[in-house]
Amino acid sequence: MSTVTATASPVKSVNSLTSGKLPRSVPWTVLGASWLIMFAVFAILNAGQPIKNFNIAAAVFLGTLLFVIAIGVLSSIVEGRRKAADRVITAVVSAAFIVALLPLISLLYTVVVEGVQRFDIEFFSSSMRNVVGAGGGAIHAIYGTLLITAATTVISVPIGLMTSIYLVEYSTGSRLSRAITFFVDVMTGIPSIVAGLFAYAVFALFFGPGISMGIIGAIALSVLMIPVVVRSSEEMLRLVPNELREAAYALGVPKWLTILKVVIPTSIAGITTGIMLAIARVIGETAPLLLTAGYTQSLNLNLFDGNMMTLPVYVYNQYANQGTTPDDSVARAWAGALTLILIVMVLNLAARMIAKLFSPKTGRR
């Protein structure tokens, strides 16, 4: 009886480049290399010039174009024309997304580069009182922005949230609900200066012309913020499944308690995000605050007495009234703009944390 011995041939390692397929890391490597090449070219062209003259948007744009060409050529050599065409189309779509981000990238780069010149302790610890020329800060504008935005939120969120609850939970297509929806849509598109004129005219009837207070600015911003809160909250409440409401009703839970304990907790993440977007919508408004809150060089913490400076008005005032030292005023304006962007970023991060903390937990423990 003969014994048959089988010999196994050794398994050869497959090389992606020789098997007609690029490794997964190649597109990202080519993209990074393309950007580095363009950054190096622009750095050589801008040698000896200030860093603020570096055109980051042009470097990213040309680097992205270089990536599209390079990935097409490389894929055509290794994978063939058919796969190369697919990679080129994918690269073009990705490049379109990057190009859409270029204005934001350029804006952030410019604000950071220009704003860090006065991003110091003095800027965050002093006001512009008795300051002529260099020095000074924006502590009065920072406090004013936070106070007016907080007052605006306190006014707008309860009104907007309760309006959206009525439209979703209690409205049955009545004339009142249609009228509310119509006016909310109209208010969403009104110019911000109209809201400022409205708030100023209302208070001028009682206190006389020339009145300026922080609370008037908060009311003007509330006119702009309420429609955004209503629309975003309404959409989030409509996404809550009706089965959750019906299960609560089947257990004998009253409607108001179902809304409070089931509907709102289920949609709290989306509602919080919508509120933060509404805050970001109004925190940078300048025109209504010029009419209602005015501007001052001193710190004022009383919303109900006197003018109150805010960061948007501070930036506008520093740029429009440059005084004897224009460079110092412009530097303060850029630092104020950078501070405003950072405040909005912090608010958005806080909103995400709150939404994650209070959103309903799913899955098994």
Protein backbone atom coordinates (compact mmCIF):
# COMPACT_ATOMS: atom_id res chain seq x y z
CA MET A 1 0.00 0.00 0.00
CA SER A 2 1.59 3.19 -1.19
CA THR A 3 1.57 6.36 0.78
CA VAL A 4 0.81 9.59 -1.05
CA THR A 5 2.67 12.57 0.33
CA ALA A 6 1.16 15.99 -0.42
CA THR A 7 3.51 18.92 -0.50
CA ALA A 8 1.96 22.33 0.14
CA SER A 9 3.31 25.15 -1.94
CA PRO A 10 4.37 28.20 0.05
CA VAL A 11 1.88 31.11 0.08
CA LYS A 12 3.33 34.11 -1.62
CA SER A 13 2.71 37.54 -0.12
CA VAL A 14 0.61 39.73 -2.35
CA ASN A 15 2.00 43.15 -3.16
CA SER A 16 -0.74 45.74 -3.76
CA LEU A 17 1.34 47.63 -6.29
CA THR A 18 2.05 44.52 -8.39
CA SER A 19 -1.46 43.06 -8.06
CA GLY A 20 -3.10 46.01 -9.81
CA LYS A 21 -4.50 47.77 -6.74
CA LEU A 22 -3.31 50.77 -4.74
CA PRO A 23 -3.13 50.45 -0.95
CA ARG A 24 -5.80 52.25 1.04
CA SER A 25 -3.30 54.73 2.44
CA VAL A 26 -2.11 55.97 -0.94
CA PRO A 27 -4.87 58.59 -1.61
CA TRP A 28 -4.35 60.20 1.79
CA THR A 29 -0.57 60.09 1.34
CA VAL A 30 -0.81 61.72 -2.07
CA LEU A 31 -3.18 64.40 -0.74
CA GLY A 32 -0.87 65.23 2.16
CA ALA A 33 2.18 65.28 -0.11
CA SER A 34 0.38 67.58 -2.58
CA TRP A 35 -0.51 70.04 0.17
CA LEU A 36 3.03 69.95 1.57
CA ILE A 37 4.49 70.68 -1.86
CA MET A 38 2.21 73.67 -2.37
CA PHE A 39 2.82 74.95 1.15
CA ALA A 40 6.56 74.74 0.48
CA VAL A 41 6.18 76.58 -2.84
CA PHE A 42 4.12 79.38 -1.25
CA ALA A 43 6.53 79.57 1.69
CA ILE A 44 9.43 80.09 -0.73
CA LEU A 45 7.50 82.73 -2.67
CA ASN A 46 6.59 84.55 0.58
CA ALA A 47 10.07 84.33 2.10
CA GLY A 48 10.87 87.43 4.14
CA GLN A 49 7.24 88.58 4.29
CA PRO A 50 4.89 88.54 7.33
CA ILE A 51 3.05 85.30 7.95
CA LYS A 52 -0.29 87.06 7.49
CA ASN A 53 0.58 87.46 3.78
CA PHE A 54 0.69 83.67 3.36
CA ASN A 55 -2.28 82.69 1.16
CA ILE A 56 -3.42 79.44 2.76
CA ALA A 57 -6.58 79.22 0.64
CA ALA A 58 -4.61 79.32 -2.62
CA ALA A 59 -2.11 76.76 -1.30
CA VAL A 60 -4.87 74.32 -0.31
CA PHE A 61 -6.71 74.85 -3.60
CA LEU A 62 -3.68 74.27 -5.81
CA GLY A 63 -2.58 71.35 -3.64
CA THR A 64 -5.99 69.75 -4.10
CA LEU A 65 -5.77 70.17 -7.88
CA LEU A 66 -2.32 68.59 -7.81
CA PHE A 67 -3.78 65.68 -5.82
CA VAL A 68 -6.50 65.06 -8.44
CA ILE A 69 -3.92 64.93 -11.23
CA ALA A 70 -1.42 62.83 -9.26
CA ILE A 71 -3.92 60.22 -8.07
CA GLY A 72 -5.25 59.88 -11.63
CA VAL A 73 -1.81 59.32 -13.12
CA LEU A 74 -0.71 56.94 -10.35
CA SER A 75 -3.91 54.89 -10.55
CA SER A 76 -3.69 54.72 -14.34
CA ILE A 77 -0.18 53.26 -14.12
CA VAL A 78 -0.95 50.69 -11.40
CA GLU A 79 -4.68 49.88 -11.76
CA GLY A 80 -5.56 50.71 -15.35
CA ARG A 81 -7.67 53.36 -17.06
CA ARG A 82 -11.05 52.13 -15.80
CA LYS A 83 -10.10 52.21 -12.12
CA ALA A 84 -8.21 55.47 -12.67
CA ALA A 85 -11.38 57.13 -13.98
CA ASP A 86 -13.23 56.04 -10.83
CA ARG A 87 -10.50 57.42 -8.59
CA VAL A 88 -10.41 60.72 -10.49
CA ILE A 89 -14.18 61.18 -10.09
CA THR A 90 -13.89 60.40 -6.37
CA ALA A 91 -11.03 62.87 -6.06
CA VAL A 92 -13.02 65.57 -7.88
CA VAL A 93 -15.98 65.12 -5.51
CA SER A 94 -13.64 65.29 -2.52
CA ALA A 95 -11.94 68.35 -4.00
CA ALA A 96 -15.31 70.08 -4.39
CA PHE A 97 -15.94 69.56 -0.67
CA ILE A 98 -12.50 70.96 0.19
CA VAL A 99 -13.04 73.98 -2.07
CA ALA A 100 -16.35 74.65 -0.32
CA LEU A 101 -14.44 74.80 2.98
CA LEU A 102 -11.81 77.21 1.66
CA PRO A 103 -13.65 80.42 2.67
CA LEU A 104 -14.00 79.11 6.23
CA ILE A 105 -10.35 78.00 6.33
CA SER A 106 -9.17 81.36 5.00
CA LEU A 107 -11.39 83.26 7.45
CA LEU A 108 -10.21 81.32 10.49
CA TYR A 109 -6.58 81.58 9.43
CA THR A 110 -6.80 85.34 8.89
CA VAL A 111 -8.63 86.00 12.17
CA VAL A 112 -6.21 83.85 14.17
CA VAL A 113 -3.07 85.36 12.61
CA GLU A 114 -4.32 88.94 12.99
CA GLY A 115 -6.02 88.45 16.35
CA VAL A 116 -3.16 86.89 18.31
CA GLN A 117 -1.24 90.18 18.15
CA ARG A 118 -3.43 91.60 20.96
CA PHE A 119 -4.56 88.34 22.53
CA ASP A 120 -2.94 89.13 25.87
CA ILE A 121 -3.82 89.57 29.54
CA GLU A 122 -4.40 93.32 29.17
CA PHE A 123 -6.98 92.73 26.45
CA PHE A 124 -9.03 90.50 28.78
CA SER A 125 -8.59 92.55 31.96
CA SER A 126 -9.09 96.19 30.96
CA SER A 127 -11.60 98.33 29.13
CA MET A 128 -11.13 101.28 26.77
CA ARG A 129 -11.83 103.90 29.42
CA ASN A 130 -9.30 106.78 29.19
CA VAL A 131 -7.30 104.83 26.58
CA VAL A 132 -5.90 106.76 23.62
CA GLY A 133 -3.60 104.93 21.23
CA ALA A 134 -1.96 101.68 22.32
CA GLY A 135 -3.20 99.48 25.15
CA GLY A 136 -6.73 98.97 26.33
CA GLY A 137 -8.87 95.89 26.17
CA ALA A 138 -12.35 94.50 25.64
CA ILE A 139 -13.45 93.27 29.07
CA HIS A 140 -16.45 95.62 28.97
CA ALA A 141 -17.47 94.27 25.56
CA ILE A 142 -17.04 90.65 26.65
CA TYR A 143 -19.22 91.14 29.72
CA GLY A 144 -21.79 93.01 27.65
CA THR A 145 -21.94 90.27 25.03
CA LEU A 146 -22.39 87.52 27.64
CA LEU A 147 -25.05 89.44 29.58
CA ILE A 148 -27.11 90.46 26.54
CA THR A 149 -26.84 86.98 25.01
CA ALA A 150 -27.89 85.36 28.31
CA ALA A 151 -30.89 87.70 28.59
CA THR A 152 -31.80 86.99 24.97
CA THR A 153 -31.68 83.25 25.62
CA VAL A 154 -33.81 83.54 28.77
CA ILE A 155 -36.44 85.46 26.79
CA SER A 156 -36.37 83.46 23.56
CA VAL A 157 -36.02 79.82 24.61
CA PRO A 158 -39.19 79.50 26.74
CA ILE A 159 -41.30 81.37 24.16
CA GLY A 160 -39.88 79.46 21.20
CA LEU A 161 -40.03 76.05 22.89
CA MET A 162 -43.60 76.48 24.14
CA THR A 163 -44.68 77.72 20.71
CA SER A 164 -43.18 74.64 19.04
CA ILE A 165 -44.84 72.37 21.63
CA TYR A 166 -48.21 73.96 20.85
CA LEU A 167 -47.73 73.56 17.09
CA VAL A 168 -46.71 69.89 17.38
CA GLU A 169 -48.70 68.56 20.34
CA TYR A 170 -51.86 70.68 20.59
CA SER A 171 -52.43 72.23 17.18
CA THR A 172 -54.88 70.46 14.89
CA GLY A 173 -54.48 72.58 11.77
CA SER A 174 -56.49 75.47 13.17
CA ARG A 175 -56.33 79.01 11.86
CA LEU A 176 -54.24 80.03 14.86
CA SER A 177 -51.56 77.43 14.13
CA ARG A 178 -51.45 78.42 10.46
CA ALA A 179 -51.15 82.07 11.42
CA ILE A 180 -48.33 81.28 13.88
CA THR A 181 -46.46 79.28 11.25
CA PHE A 182 -46.88 82.08 8.71
CA PHE A 183 -45.60 84.79 11.04
CA VAL A 184 -42.69 82.61 12.18
CA ASP A 185 -41.65 82.19 8.55
CA VAL A 186 -41.94 85.95 7.99
CA MET A 187 -39.92 86.75 11.12
CA THR A 188 -37.16 84.36 10.05
CA GLY A 189 -36.36 86.55 7.06
CA ILE A 190 -36.63 90.07 8.49
CA PRO A 191 -33.45 92.20 8.43
CA SER A 192 -31.74 92.52 11.79
CA ILE A 193 -31.89 96.30 11.75
CA VAL A 194 -35.68 96.12 11.57
CA ALA A 195 -35.69 94.16 14.83
CA GLY A 196 -33.50 96.84 16.38
CA LEU A 197 -35.79 99.63 15.18
CA PHE A 198 -38.81 97.78 16.56
CA ALA A 199 -37.29 97.34 20.03
CA TYR A 200 -36.04 100.93 20.09
CA ALA A 201 -39.44 102.33 19.00
CA VAL A 202 -41.27 100.36 21.71
CA PHE A 203 -39.01 101.64 24.51
CA ALA A 204 -38.90 105.17 23.06
CA LEU A 205 -42.68 105.38 23.53
CA PHE A 206 -42.24 104.95 27.31
CA PHE A 207 -38.80 106.41 28.04
CA GLY A 208 -38.43 109.00 25.29
CA PRO A 209 -36.07 109.17 22.29
CA GLY A 210 -32.38 108.46 22.71
CA ILE A 211 -32.91 105.59 25.18
CA SER A 212 -30.17 102.92 25.16
CA MET A 213 -30.03 99.92 27.49
CA GLY A 214 -28.73 96.39 27.36
CA ILE A 215 -32.18 94.89 27.88
CA ILE A 216 -33.45 96.67 24.75
CA GLY A 217 -30.69 94.98 22.79
CA ALA A 218 -31.70 91.62 24.31
CA ILE A 219 -35.30 92.15 23.20
CA ALA A 220 -34.17 93.12 19.70
CA LEU A 221 -32.08 89.95 19.45
CA SER A 222 -35.00 87.91 20.80
CA VAL A 223 -37.06 88.98 17.79
CA LEU A 224 -34.38 87.35 15.62
CA MET A 225 -33.80 84.31 17.84
CA ILE A 226 -37.36 83.19 18.57
CA PRO A 227 -38.22 82.10 14.98
CA VAL A 228 -35.05 79.99 14.76
CA VAL A 229 -35.82 78.30 18.09
CA VAL A 230 -39.43 77.65 17.04
CA ARG A 231 -38.48 76.10 13.71
CA SER A 232 -35.63 73.92 15.00
CA SER A 233 -37.56 72.73 18.08
CA GLU A 234 -40.66 71.99 15.99
CA GLU A 235 -38.70 69.75 13.65
CA MET A 236 -37.08 67.88 16.55
CA LEU A 237 -40.42 67.33 18.31
CA ARG A 238 -41.97 65.96 15.11
CA LEU A 239 -39.20 63.33 14.92
CA VAL A 240 -40.32 61.75 18.21
CA PRO A 241 -42.20 58.51 17.33
CA ASN A 242 -45.91 58.56 18.09
CA GLU A 243 -45.56 55.09 19.61
CA LEU A 244 -43.80 56.64 22.61
CA ARG A 245 -46.68 59.04 23.19
CA GLU A 246 -49.27 56.28 22.77
CA ALA A 247 -47.44 54.02 25.22
CA ALA A 248 -47.47 56.79 27.82
CA TYR A 249 -51.17 57.49 27.22
CA ALA A 250 -51.95 53.76 27.55
CA LEU A 251 -50.38 53.82 31.04
CA GLY A 252 -52.66 56.68 32.04
CA VAL A 253 -50.02 59.41 31.91
CA PRO A 254 -51.58 62.83 31.22
CA LYS A 255 -50.60 64.69 28.09
CA TRP A 256 -48.61 67.46 29.80
CA LEU A 257 -46.58 64.91 31.74
CA THR A 258 -46.00 62.85 28.58
CA ILE A 259 -44.59 65.95 26.90
CA LEU A 260 -42.44 66.76 29.91
CA LYS A 261 -41.12 63.25 30.64
CA VAL A 262 -41.16 61.53 27.24
CA VAL A 263 -41.27 63.92 24.28
CA ILE A 264 -38.82 66.60 25.44
CA PRO A 265 -36.17 64.19 26.88
CA THR A 266 -36.26 62.21 23.64
CA SER A 267 -35.64 65.30 21.51
CA ILE A 268 -33.46 67.28 23.92
CA ALA A 269 -30.27 66.70 21.92
CA GLY A 270 -31.71 68.22 18.76
CA ILE A 271 -33.44 71.02 20.67
CA THR A 272 -30.19 71.97 22.40
CA THR A 273 -28.34 72.02 19.09
CA GLY A 274 -31.03 74.24 17.59
CA ILE A 275 -30.82 76.65 20.52
CA MET A 276 -27.04 76.88 20.16
CA LEU A 277 -27.42 77.60 16.44
CA ALA A 278 -29.92 80.32 17.28
CA ILE A 279 -27.47 81.84 19.79
CA ALA A 280 -24.71 81.74 17.18
CA ARG A 281 -27.14 83.47 14.80
CA VAL A 282 -27.66 86.50 17.06
CA ILE A 283 -24.42 86.80 19.05
CA GLY A 284 -22.63 88.45 16.15
CA GLU A 285 -25.33 91.00 15.27
CA THR A 286 -24.15 94.60 15.15
CA ALA A 287 -26.85 96.82 13.63
CA PRO A 288 -29.65 96.18 16.19
CA LEU A 289 -27.25 96.62 19.11
CA LEU A 290 -25.96 99.93 17.76
CA LEU A 291 -29.53 101.22 17.86
CA THR A 292 -30.59 99.71 21.18
CA ALA A 293 -27.61 99.09 23.48
CA GLY A 294 -25.38 101.82 22.12
CA TYR A 295 -21.66 101.78 22.88
CA THR A 296 -19.47 102.89 25.75
CA GLN A 297 -15.82 102.73 26.70
CA SER A 298 -16.52 101.72 30.32
CA LEU A 299 -17.67 98.51 31.99
CA ASN A 300 -21.43 98.36 32.63
CA LEU A 301 -22.96 95.25 34.22
CA ASN A 302 -26.50 96.62 34.57
CA LEU A 303 -28.80 95.61 31.73
CA PHE A 304 -31.40 98.15 32.81
CA ASP A 305 -29.26 101.27 33.08
CA GLY A 306 -27.10 103.01 30.51
CA ASN A 307 -25.26 101.99 27.36
CA MET A 308 -23.62 98.58 27.17
CA MET A 309 -20.81 97.59 24.82
CA THR A 310 -20.81 94.25 22.98
CA LEU A 311 -18.06 92.54 20.99
CA PRO A 312 -19.61 93.07 17.51
CA VAL A 313 -20.08 96.79 18.24
CA TYR A 314 -16.59 96.92 19.77
CA VAL A 315 -15.05 95.46 16.60
CA TYR A 316 -17.03 97.87 14.42
CA ASN A 317 -16.16 100.87 16.62
CA GLN A 318 -12.42 100.05 16.70
CA TYR A 319 -12.30 99.71 12.92
CA ALA A 320 -14.51 102.72 12.12
CA ASN A 321 -12.90 105.10 14.65
CA GLN A 322 -9.18 104.31 14.47
CA GLY A 323 -8.00 107.51 16.13
CA THR A 324 -4.35 108.57 16.22
CA THR A 325 -2.91 105.02 16.08
CA PRO A 326 -4.77 103.05 13.41
CA ASP A 327 -2.61 99.93 13.80
CA ASP A 328 -3.52 99.56 17.48
CA SER A 329 -7.24 100.02 16.80
CA VAL A 330 -7.22 97.46 13.96
CA ALA A 331 -5.31 94.98 16.15
CA ARG A 332 -7.94 95.36 18.89
CA ALA A 333 -10.67 94.81 16.30
CA TRP A 334 -9.09 91.55 15.12
CA ALA A 335 -8.63 90.38 18.72
CA GLY A 336 -12.30 91.12 19.41
CA ALA A 337 -13.34 89.10 16.35
CA LEU A 338 -11.18 86.16 17.48
CA THR A 339 -12.71 86.34 20.97
CA LEU A 340 -16.21 86.27 19.51
CA ILE A 341 -15.39 83.18 17.42
CA LEU A 342 -13.95 81.42 20.47
CA ILE A 343 -17.10 82.20 22.50
CA VAL A 344 -19.27 80.66 19.78
CA MET A 345 -17.01 77.57 19.67
CA VAL A 346 -17.23 77.16 23.45
CA LEU A 347 -21.02 77.45 23.33
CA ASN A 348 -21.21 74.80 20.61
CA LEU A 349 -18.96 72.43 22.56
CA ALA A 350 -21.07 72.98 25.67
CA ALA A 351 -24.21 72.25 23.67
CA ARG A 352 -22.79 68.96 22.43
CA MET A 353 -21.82 67.93 25.94
CA ILE A 354 -25.25 68.83 27.32
CA ALA A 355 -27.00 67.02 24.48
CA LYS A 356 -24.88 63.91 25.03
CA LEU A 357 -25.49 64.03 28.78
CA PHE A 358 -29.26 64.42 28.64
CA SER A 359 -30.06 62.45 25.49
CA PRO A 360 -31.97 59.18 26.07
CA LYS A 361 -29.73 56.18 26.62
CA THR A 362 -30.30 53.20 24.34
CA GLY A 363 -29.01 49.65 24.39
CA ARG A 364 -28.36 47.18 27.15
CA ARG A 365 -26.20 47.97 30.12
